[in-house]
Amino acid sequence: MRHFIYLHEELRRENHDLKEQIEAKEQQIAKVTETCKSLQKDYTNLKIAKIISAEDSDMKKTKLRLSNIVREIDKCIALLNE
């Protein structure tokens, strides 16, 4: 009987730890989602700025920066999915 009580307590602790991990991951996802929304807003603003400025060299630099940002977001999402 003691063995079952011990196992029960171990499972309760493990369950508690897993719930904490889930909560932490949900917070990370919320932060990444907020960052993604912010970056999308910035991207929209950059597109509008490009329409106004119409210089090709700036457009290439902007595209490269945005590509790097998207890659970093993808890396963050991949880490969260682990």
C-alpha atoms as a PDB file:
ATOM      1  CA  MET A   1       0.000   0.000   0.000  1.00  0.00           C
ATOM      2  CA  ARG A   2       2.864   2.378   0.796  1.00  0.00           C
ATOM      3  CA  HIS A   3       4.261   1.779  -2.637  1.00  0.00           C
ATOM      4  CA  PHE A   4       0.996   2.898  -4.251  1.00  0.00           C
ATOM      5  CA  ILE A   5       0.879   5.993  -2.061  1.00  0.00           C
ATOM      6  CA  TYR A   6       4.452   6.795  -3.083  1.00  0.00           C
ATOM      7  CA  LEU A   7       3.602   6.299  -6.770  1.00  0.00           C
ATOM      8  CA  HIS A   8       0.539   8.485  -6.382  1.00  0.00           C
ATOM      9  CA  GLU A   9       2.598  11.296  -4.868  1.00  0.00           C
ATOM     10  CA  GLU A  10       5.212  10.978  -7.607  1.00  0.00           C
ATOM     11  CA  LEU A  11       2.532  11.223 -10.275  1.00  0.00           C
ATOM     12  CA  ARG A  12       1.005  14.256  -8.575  1.00  0.00           C
ATOM     13  CA  ARG A  13       4.403  15.992  -8.523  1.00  0.00           C
ATOM     14  CA  GLU A  14       5.045  15.094 -12.142  1.00  0.00           C
ATOM     15  CA  ASN A  15       1.589  16.360 -13.103  1.00  0.00           C
ATOM     16  CA  HIS A  16       2.240  19.633 -11.293  1.00  0.00           C
ATOM     17  CA  ASP A  17       5.608  20.053 -13.030  1.00  0.00           C
ATOM     18  CA  LEU A  18       4.048  19.372 -16.430  1.00  0.00           C
ATOM     19  CA  LYS A  19       1.316  21.916 -15.798  1.00  0.00           C
ATOM     20  CA  GLU A  20       3.974  24.513 -14.946  1.00  0.00           C
ATOM     21  CA  GLN A  21       5.847  23.684 -18.145  1.00  0.00           C
ATOM     22  CA  ILE A  22       2.665  24.074 -20.170  1.00  0.00           C
ATOM     23  CA  GLU A  23       1.990  27.448 -18.594  1.00  0.00           C
ATOM     24  CA  ALA A  24       5.540  28.602 -19.337  1.00  0.00           C
ATOM     25  CA  LYS A  25       5.229  27.473 -22.968  1.00  0.00           C
ATOM     26  CA  GLU A  26       1.899  29.252 -23.319  1.00  0.00           C
ATOM     27  CA  GLN A  27       3.509  32.448 -22.058  1.00  0.00           C
ATOM     28  CA  GLN A  28       6.351  32.036 -24.548  1.00  0.00           C
ATOM     29  CA  ILE A  29       3.851  31.485 -27.355  1.00  0.00           C
ATOM     30  CA  ALA A  30       1.967  34.622 -26.335  1.00  0.00           C
ATOM     31  CA  LYS A  31       5.202  36.638 -26.418  1.00  0.00           C
ATOM     32  CA  VAL A  32       6.174  35.266 -29.830  1.00  0.00           C
ATOM     33  CA  THR A  33       2.684  35.933 -31.163  1.00  0.00           C
ATOM     34  CA  GLU A  34       2.846  39.519 -29.915  1.00  0.00           C
ATOM     35  CA  THR A  35       6.281  39.943 -31.515  1.00  0.00           C
ATOM     36  CA  CYS A  36       4.961  38.516 -34.759  1.00  0.00           C
ATOM     37  CA  LYS A  37       2.042  40.966 -34.772  1.00  0.00           C
ATOM     38  CA  SER A  38       4.413  43.833 -34.087  1.00  0.00           C
ATOM     39  CA  LEU A  39       6.722  42.760 -36.899  1.00  0.00           C
ATOM     40  CA  GLN A  40       3.788  42.432 -39.287  1.00  0.00           C
ATOM     41  CA  LYS A  41       2.746  45.972 -38.398  1.00  0.00           C
ATOM     42  CA  ASP A  42       6.312  47.178 -38.981  1.00  0.00           C
ATOM     43  CA  TYR A  43       6.375  45.370 -42.315  1.00  0.00           C
ATOM     44  CA  THR A  44       3.165  47.078 -43.380  1.00  0.00           C
ATOM     45  CA  ASN A  45       4.619  50.429 -42.382  1.00  0.00           C
ATOM     46  CA  LEU A  46       7.768  49.686 -44.388  1.00  0.00           C
ATOM     47  CA  LYS A  47       5.710  48.806 -47.445  1.00  0.00           C
ATOM     48  CA  ILE A  48       3.871  52.102 -47.163  1.00  0.00           C
ATOM     49  CA  ALA A  49       7.164  53.947 -46.744  1.00  0.00           C
ATOM     50  CA  LYS A  50       8.535  52.196 -49.828  1.00  0.00           C
ATOM     51  CA  ILE A  51       5.582  53.290 -51.912  1.00  0.00           C
ATOM     52  CA  ILE A  52       6.323  56.848 -50.871  1.00  0.00           C
ATOM     53  CA  SER A  53      10.106  56.711 -51.386  1.00  0.00           C
ATOM     54  CA  ALA A  54      10.377  54.427 -54.492  1.00  0.00           C
ATOM     55  CA  GLU A  55      14.179  53.865 -54.340  1.00  0.00           C
ATOM     56  CA  ASP A  56      15.255  50.375 -55.426  1.00  0.00           C
ATOM     57  CA  SER A  57      18.402  50.165 -53.285  1.00  0.00           C
ATOM     58  CA  ASP A  58      16.397  50.850 -50.121  1.00  0.00           C
ATOM     59  CA  MET A  59      13.847  48.256 -51.158  1.00  0.00           C
ATOM     60  CA  LYS A  60      16.524  45.574 -51.474  1.00  0.00           C
ATOM     61  CA  LYS A  61      17.931  46.403 -48.049  1.00  0.00           C
ATOM     62  CA  THR A  62      14.454  46.392 -46.547  1.00  0.00           C
ATOM     63  CA  LYS A  63      13.645  43.023 -48.112  1.00  0.00           C
ATOM     64  CA  LEU A  64      16.870  41.560 -46.738  1.00  0.00           C
ATOM     65  CA  ARG A  65      16.123  42.870 -43.243  1.00  0.00           C
ATOM     66  CA  LEU A  66      12.594  41.519 -43.370  1.00  0.00           C
ATOM     67  CA  SER A  67      13.824  38.149 -44.593  1.00  0.00           C
ATOM     68  CA  ASN A  68      16.187  37.986 -41.626  1.00  0.00           C
ATOM     69  CA  ILE A  69      13.371  38.896 -39.249  1.00  0.00           C
ATOM     70  CA  VAL A  70      11.106  36.214 -40.712  1.00  0.00           C
ATOM     71  CA  ARG A  71      13.883  33.636 -40.372  1.00  0.00           C
ATOM     72  CA  GLU A  72      14.358  34.572 -36.722  1.00  0.00           C
ATOM     73  CA  ILE A  73      10.622  34.251 -36.093  1.00  0.00           C
ATOM     74  CA  ASP A  74      10.647  30.826 -37.719  1.00  0.00           C
ATOM     75  CA  LYS A  75      13.533  29.788 -35.468  1.00  0.00           C
ATOM     76  CA  CYS A  76      11.634  30.996 -32.400  1.00  0.00           C
ATOM     77  CA  ILE A  77       8.537  29.072 -33.426  1.00  0.00           C
ATOM     78  CA  ALA A  78      10.620  25.948 -34.042  1.00  0.00           C
ATOM     79  CA  LEU A  79      12.151  26.240 -30.570  1.00  0.00           C
ATOM     80  CA  LEU A  80       8.713  26.611 -29.022  1.00  0.00           C
ATOM     81  CA  ASN A  81       7.508  23.503 -30.828  1.00  0.00           C
ATOM     82  CA  GLU A  82      10.235  21.355 -29.275  1.00  0.00           C
END
